[in-house]
C-alpha cells in the first residue's frame, strides 16, 4: 500500500496526464504549435506532474521504478526556471508520447492499490 500522500500525488499525476490527453486529442503538431492556449494548458499540466513527482517520498519512488521521476522533476524545473527557452518539440513529444505511457503506468498502480 502506498502512503496516502503519495497516492494523492499519483492521482494528481493521473489527472494532469488525462488533461494533456484531452487538450491534444485530435490535434496535429502544427495545430498545437499554432495554439498558445493548448501549449500553455499542456505546459501547466506538465508542471503539475513534475511538482507532484517531486513530492513523492523516496521510498515510494524506489518501489515504482517504471516511473521516470527525475525526468518529470526535470521538466517541472525547466518550465519553472527556463520558461523563456522552452522547446516545443520536447513539449509535443512529452505530451503525445511520454505522457500517455506515464498515464498507463500510473493508472495500473492506482488500480492495484484499490484491489
N, C-alpha and C. Protein backbone atom coordinates (compact mmCIF):
# COMPACT_ATOMS: atom_id res chain seq x y z
N UNK A 1 0.84 -1.19 0.00
CA UNK A 1 0.00 0.00 0.00
C UNK A 1 0.88 1.25 0.00
N UNK A 2 0.46 2.20 -0.79
CA UNK A 2 1.16 3.48 -0.83
C UNK A 2 0.70 4.36 0.33
N UNK A 3 1.60 5.18 0.84
CA UNK A 3 1.15 6.18 1.81
C UNK A 3 0.10 7.09 1.17
N UNK A 4 -0.85 7.55 1.96
CA UNK A 4 -1.94 8.38 1.43
C UNK A 4 -1.44 9.59 0.67
N UNK A 5 -0.41 10.26 1.17
CA UNK A 5 0.11 11.46 0.50
C UNK A 5 0.66 11.11 -0.89
N UNK A 6 1.34 9.98 -1.00
CA UNK A 6 1.89 9.58 -2.31
C UNK A 6 0.78 9.14 -3.26
N UNK A 7 -0.22 8.47 -2.73
CA UNK A 7 -1.37 8.09 -3.57
C UNK A 7 -2.05 9.36 -4.10
N UNK A 8 -2.19 10.35 -3.26
CA UNK A 8 -2.79 11.62 -3.68
C UNK A 8 -1.97 12.27 -4.79
N UNK A 9 -0.67 12.21 -4.67
CA UNK A 9 0.19 12.79 -5.71
C UNK A 9 0.09 12.01 -7.01
N UNK A 10 -0.02 10.70 -6.92
CA UNK A 10 -0.23 9.91 -8.14
C UNK A 10 -1.57 10.24 -8.78
N UNK A 11 -2.57 10.54 -7.98
CA UNK A 11 -3.85 10.98 -8.53
C UNK A 11 -3.70 12.31 -9.25
N UNK A 12 -2.88 13.20 -8.72
CA UNK A 12 -2.63 14.48 -9.40
C UNK A 12 -1.92 14.25 -10.73
N UNK A 13 -0.96 13.33 -10.72
CA UNK A 13 -0.25 12.99 -11.96
C UNK A 13 -1.22 12.40 -12.97
N UNK A 14 -2.07 11.50 -12.51
CA UNK A 14 -3.07 10.89 -13.40
C UNK A 14 -4.00 11.95 -13.98
N UNK A 15 -4.51 12.82 -13.14
CA UNK A 15 -5.47 13.83 -13.60
C UNK A 15 -4.83 14.80 -14.58
N UNK A 16 -3.61 15.24 -14.30
CA UNK A 16 -2.93 16.16 -15.22
C UNK A 16 -2.61 15.46 -16.54
N UNK A 17 -2.25 14.19 -16.47
CA UNK A 17 -1.99 13.42 -17.69
C UNK A 17 -3.25 13.28 -18.54
N UNK A 18 -4.36 13.05 -17.89
CA UNK A 18 -5.64 12.96 -18.62
C UNK A 18 -5.99 14.29 -19.28
N UNK A 19 -5.70 15.38 -18.60
CA UNK A 19 -5.98 16.69 -19.18
C UNK A 19 -5.11 16.92 -20.42
N UNK A 20 -3.86 16.52 -20.35
CA UNK A 20 -2.99 16.65 -21.52
C UNK A 20 -3.58 15.86 -22.69
N UNK A 21 -4.04 14.65 -22.42
CA UNK A 21 -4.65 13.84 -23.47
C UNK A 21 -5.88 14.54 -24.04
N UNK A 22 -6.66 15.13 -23.17
CA UNK A 22 -7.86 15.87 -23.61
C UNK A 22 -7.48 17.08 -24.46
N UNK A 23 -6.48 17.83 -24.00
CA UNK A 23 -6.07 19.06 -24.71
C UNK A 23 -5.50 18.75 -26.09
N UNK A 24 -4.84 17.60 -26.24
CA UNK A 24 -4.16 17.30 -27.50
C UNK A 24 -4.93 16.33 -28.39
N UNK A 25 -6.05 15.83 -27.94
CA UNK A 25 -6.83 14.85 -28.71
C UNK A 25 -7.18 15.42 -30.08
N UNK A 26 -6.81 14.69 -31.10
CA UNK A 26 -7.16 15.07 -32.46
C UNK A 26 -6.34 16.21 -33.04
N UNK A 27 -5.38 16.73 -32.29
CA UNK A 27 -4.56 17.84 -32.78
C UNK A 27 -3.34 17.32 -33.53
N UNK A 28 -2.99 18.01 -34.58
CA UNK A 28 -1.71 17.76 -35.22
C UNK A 28 -0.65 18.58 -34.50
N UNK A 29 0.60 18.27 -34.75
CA UNK A 29 1.66 19.06 -34.14
C UNK A 29 1.58 20.51 -34.60
N UNK A 30 1.22 20.73 -35.83
CA UNK A 30 1.09 22.11 -36.34
C UNK A 30 -0.02 22.87 -35.61
N UNK A 31 -1.15 22.20 -35.40
CA UNK A 31 -2.24 22.85 -34.65
C UNK A 31 -1.80 23.17 -33.22
N UNK A 32 -1.04 22.26 -32.62
CA UNK A 32 -0.51 22.50 -31.29
C UNK A 32 0.39 23.74 -31.30
N UNK A 33 1.27 23.83 -32.28
CA UNK A 33 2.21 24.95 -32.37
C UNK A 33 1.49 26.28 -32.61
N UNK A 34 0.32 26.21 -33.20
CA UNK A 34 -0.43 27.43 -33.51
C UNK A 34 -1.41 27.83 -32.42
N UNK A 35 -1.44 27.09 -31.33
CA UNK A 35 -2.39 27.39 -30.26
C UNK A 35 -1.66 27.67 -28.95
N UNK A 36 -1.53 28.94 -28.64
CA UNK A 36 -0.94 29.31 -27.35
C UNK A 36 -1.75 28.72 -26.20
N UNK A 37 -3.06 28.69 -26.36
CA UNK A 37 -3.93 28.18 -25.31
C UNK A 37 -3.60 26.71 -24.99
N UNK A 38 -3.50 25.88 -26.01
CA UNK A 38 -3.19 24.47 -25.80
C UNK A 38 -1.77 24.31 -25.27
N UNK A 39 -0.84 25.04 -25.82
CA UNK A 39 0.55 24.97 -25.34
C UNK A 39 0.63 25.27 -23.85
N UNK A 40 -0.01 26.34 -23.44
CA UNK A 40 0.04 26.72 -22.04
C UNK A 40 -0.70 25.73 -21.15
N UNK A 41 -1.80 25.18 -21.64
CA UNK A 41 -2.51 24.16 -20.87
C UNK A 41 -1.66 22.92 -20.68
N UNK A 42 -1.01 22.48 -21.73
CA UNK A 42 -0.14 21.29 -21.65
C UNK A 42 1.04 21.58 -20.72
N UNK A 43 1.66 22.74 -20.89
CA UNK A 43 2.82 23.05 -20.05
C UNK A 43 2.43 23.16 -18.58
N UNK A 44 1.27 23.70 -18.30
CA UNK A 44 0.81 23.77 -16.92
C UNK A 44 0.62 22.37 -16.34
N UNK A 45 0.04 21.49 -17.12
CA UNK A 45 -0.15 20.11 -16.64
C UNK A 45 1.19 19.40 -16.45
N UNK A 46 2.14 19.63 -17.35
CA UNK A 46 3.47 19.04 -17.18
C UNK A 46 4.13 19.57 -15.91
N UNK A 47 3.92 20.84 -15.64
CA UNK A 47 4.43 21.44 -14.41
C UNK A 47 3.82 20.75 -13.18
N UNK A 48 2.51 20.55 -13.22
CA UNK A 48 1.81 19.88 -12.11
C UNK A 48 2.35 18.47 -11.92
N UNK A 49 2.54 17.75 -13.02
CA UNK A 49 3.08 16.40 -12.95
C UNK A 49 4.46 16.41 -12.28
N UNK A 50 5.31 17.32 -12.71
CA UNK A 50 6.65 17.40 -12.14
C UNK A 50 6.65 17.80 -10.68
N UNK A 51 5.76 18.71 -10.32
CA UNK A 51 5.66 19.14 -8.93
C UNK A 51 5.17 17.99 -8.06
N UNK A 52 4.17 17.27 -8.53
CA UNK A 52 3.67 16.12 -7.77
C UNK A 52 4.77 15.06 -7.64
N UNK A 53 5.49 14.82 -8.73
CA UNK A 53 6.57 13.82 -8.70
C UNK A 53 7.65 14.20 -7.70
N UNK A 54 7.93 15.48 -7.59
CA UNK A 54 8.98 15.92 -6.68
C UNK A 54 8.59 15.75 -5.21
N UNK A 55 7.31 15.58 -4.96
CA UNK A 55 6.83 15.46 -3.58
C UNK A 55 6.52 14.02 -3.17
N UNK A 56 6.71 13.08 -4.09
CA UNK A 56 6.53 11.67 -3.76
C UNK A 56 7.74 11.22 -2.94
N UNK A 57 7.49 10.52 -1.87
CA UNK A 57 8.54 10.05 -0.97
C UNK A 57 9.54 9.16 -1.71
N UNK A 58 10.80 9.25 -1.33
CA UNK A 58 11.86 8.49 -2.00
C UNK A 58 11.62 6.97 -1.90
N UNK A 59 11.04 6.51 -0.83
CA UNK A 59 10.75 5.08 -0.68
C UNK A 59 9.74 4.64 -1.74
N UNK A 60 8.73 5.45 -1.95
CA UNK A 60 7.73 5.14 -2.98
C UNK A 60 8.36 5.19 -4.36
N UNK A 61 9.19 6.19 -4.61
CA UNK A 61 9.86 6.30 -5.92
C UNK A 61 10.69 5.04 -6.19
N UNK A 62 11.38 4.55 -5.17
CA UNK A 62 12.18 3.33 -5.32
C UNK A 62 11.30 2.11 -5.60
N UNK A 63 10.12 2.09 -5.00
CA UNK A 63 9.19 0.96 -5.20
C UNK A 63 8.57 0.98 -6.60
N UNK A 64 8.60 2.15 -7.26
CA UNK A 64 7.96 2.31 -8.56
C UNK A 64 8.98 2.76 -9.62
N UNK A 65 9.91 1.86 -9.97
CA UNK A 65 10.99 2.24 -10.88
C UNK A 65 10.54 2.44 -12.34
N UNK A 66 9.32 2.03 -12.67
CA UNK A 66 8.83 2.21 -14.04
C UNK A 66 8.45 3.66 -14.34
N UNK A 67 8.43 4.48 -13.32
CA UNK A 67 8.10 5.89 -13.50
C UNK A 67 9.41 6.68 -13.52
N UNK A 68 9.54 7.55 -14.50
CA UNK A 68 10.76 8.35 -14.66
C UNK A 68 10.66 9.62 -13.81
N UNK A 69 10.88 9.43 -12.52
CA UNK A 69 10.72 10.52 -11.56
C UNK A 69 11.63 11.70 -11.87
N UNK A 70 12.89 11.42 -12.17
CA UNK A 70 13.84 12.51 -12.44
C UNK A 70 13.47 13.30 -13.68
N UNK A 71 12.98 12.61 -14.69
CA UNK A 71 12.58 13.29 -15.93
C UNK A 71 11.42 14.24 -15.66
N UNK A 72 10.45 13.78 -14.89
CA UNK A 72 9.29 14.63 -14.59
C UNK A 72 9.71 15.84 -13.77
N UNK A 73 10.56 15.63 -12.79
CA UNK A 73 11.02 16.76 -11.97
C UNK A 73 11.87 17.71 -12.82
N UNK A 74 12.66 17.16 -13.71
CA UNK A 74 13.47 17.99 -14.60
C UNK A 74 12.61 18.85 -15.52
N UNK A 75 11.52 18.29 -16.02
CA UNK A 75 10.61 19.06 -16.87
C UNK A 75 9.99 20.19 -16.07
N UNK A 76 9.58 19.91 -14.86
CA UNK A 76 9.00 20.95 -14.00
C UNK A 76 9.99 22.08 -13.78
N UNK A 77 11.24 21.72 -13.50
CA UNK A 77 12.26 22.74 -13.28
C UNK A 77 12.53 23.57 -14.53
N UNK A 78 12.54 22.91 -15.66
CA UNK A 78 12.75 23.62 -16.93
C UNK A 78 11.60 24.60 -17.18
N UNK A 79 10.38 24.15 -16.97
CA UNK A 79 9.22 25.02 -17.19
C UNK A 79 9.21 26.19 -16.22
N UNK A 80 9.63 25.94 -14.99
CA UNK A 80 9.60 26.99 -13.97
C UNK A 80 10.73 27.99 -14.12
N UNK A 81 11.90 27.51 -14.50
CA UNK A 81 13.08 28.37 -14.43
C UNK A 81 13.65 28.77 -15.78
N UNK A 82 13.24 28.11 -16.84
CA UNK A 82 13.75 28.45 -18.18
C UNK A 82 12.59 28.60 -19.15
N UNK A 83 11.49 29.13 -18.64
CA UNK A 83 10.26 29.24 -19.43
C UNK A 83 10.44 30.02 -20.72
N UNK A 84 11.45 30.88 -20.78
CA UNK A 84 11.71 31.69 -21.96
C UNK A 84 12.45 30.89 -23.04
N UNK A 85 12.87 29.69 -22.71
CA UNK A 85 13.66 28.88 -23.62
C UNK A 85 13.08 27.47 -23.74
N UNK A 86 11.76 27.39 -23.87
CA UNK A 86 11.08 26.10 -23.96
C UNK A 86 11.10 25.61 -25.41
N UNK A 87 11.45 24.36 -25.58
CA UNK A 87 11.49 23.74 -26.89
C UNK A 87 10.15 23.03 -27.12
N UNK A 88 9.36 23.54 -28.05
CA UNK A 88 8.04 22.96 -28.30
C UNK A 88 8.11 21.54 -28.85
N UNK A 89 9.22 21.19 -29.50
CA UNK A 89 9.38 19.80 -29.95
C UNK A 89 9.35 18.85 -28.76
N UNK A 90 10.04 19.24 -27.69
CA UNK A 90 10.10 18.41 -26.49
C UNK A 90 8.74 18.37 -25.79
N UNK A 91 8.07 19.51 -25.75
CA UNK A 91 6.75 19.56 -25.11
C UNK A 91 5.77 18.68 -25.88
N UNK A 92 5.76 18.78 -27.19
CA UNK A 92 4.86 17.96 -28.01
C UNK A 92 5.15 16.48 -27.81
N UNK A 93 6.42 16.09 -27.85
CA UNK A 93 6.79 14.69 -27.65
C UNK A 93 6.35 14.21 -26.27
N UNK A 94 6.62 15.02 -25.27
CA UNK A 94 6.22 14.65 -23.92
C UNK A 94 4.71 14.48 -23.82
N UNK A 95 3.97 15.38 -24.45
CA UNK A 95 2.51 15.34 -24.38
C UNK A 95 1.92 14.15 -25.13
N UNK A 96 2.52 13.79 -26.25
CA UNK A 96 1.91 12.78 -27.11
C UNK A 96 2.54 11.40 -27.02
N UNK A 97 3.74 11.30 -26.45
CA UNK A 97 4.41 10.01 -26.34
C UNK A 97 4.65 9.64 -24.87
N UNK A 98 5.34 10.52 -24.15
CA UNK A 98 5.70 10.20 -22.77
C UNK A 98 4.50 10.18 -21.83
N UNK A 99 3.63 11.17 -21.95
CA UNK A 99 2.51 11.27 -21.01
C UNK A 99 1.52 10.12 -21.16
N UNK A 100 1.17 9.67 -22.36
CA UNK A 100 0.29 8.51 -22.44
C UNK A 100 0.89 7.26 -21.78
N UNK A 101 2.21 7.07 -21.94
CA UNK A 101 2.87 5.94 -21.27
C UNK A 101 2.79 6.09 -19.75
N UNK A 102 3.07 7.31 -19.29
CA UNK A 102 3.01 7.59 -17.86
C UNK A 102 1.61 7.32 -17.32
N UNK A 103 0.61 7.80 -18.04
CA UNK A 103 -0.77 7.61 -17.61
C UNK A 103 -1.10 6.13 -17.47
N UNK A 104 -0.67 5.33 -18.41
CA UNK A 104 -0.93 3.88 -18.34
C UNK A 104 -0.29 3.27 -17.09
N UNK A 105 0.95 3.63 -16.80
CA UNK A 105 1.65 3.09 -15.64
C UNK A 105 0.96 3.53 -14.35
N UNK A 106 0.65 4.82 -14.26
CA UNK A 106 0.03 5.35 -13.04
C UNK A 106 -1.35 4.75 -12.82
N UNK A 107 -2.14 4.61 -13.88
CA UNK A 107 -3.46 4.01 -13.72
C UNK A 107 -3.35 2.56 -13.25
N UNK A 108 -2.36 1.83 -13.74
CA UNK A 108 -2.15 0.46 -13.30
C UNK A 108 -1.80 0.41 -11.82
N UNK A 109 -0.91 1.31 -11.40
CA UNK A 109 -0.52 1.36 -9.99
C UNK A 109 -1.73 1.70 -9.12
N UNK A 110 -2.48 2.70 -9.51
CA UNK A 110 -3.64 3.11 -8.72
C UNK A 110 -4.69 2.02 -8.67
N UNK A 111 -4.88 1.30 -9.78
CA UNK A 111 -5.85 0.21 -9.79
C UNK A 111 -5.42 -0.90 -8.82
N UNK A 112 -4.13 -1.17 -8.76
CA UNK A 112 -3.64 -2.22 -7.86
C UNK A 112 -3.77 -1.80 -6.40
N UNK A 113 -3.81 -0.51 -6.15
CA UNK A 113 -3.96 -0.01 -4.78
C UNK A 113 -5.38 -0.20 -4.27
N UNK A 114 -6.34 -0.31 -5.16
CA UNK A 114 -7.72 -0.46 -4.74
C UNK A 114 -8.17 -1.92 -4.67
N UNK A 115 -7.31 -2.81 -5.10
CA UNK A 115 -7.67 -4.23 -5.10
C UNK A 115 -7.54 -4.82 -3.71
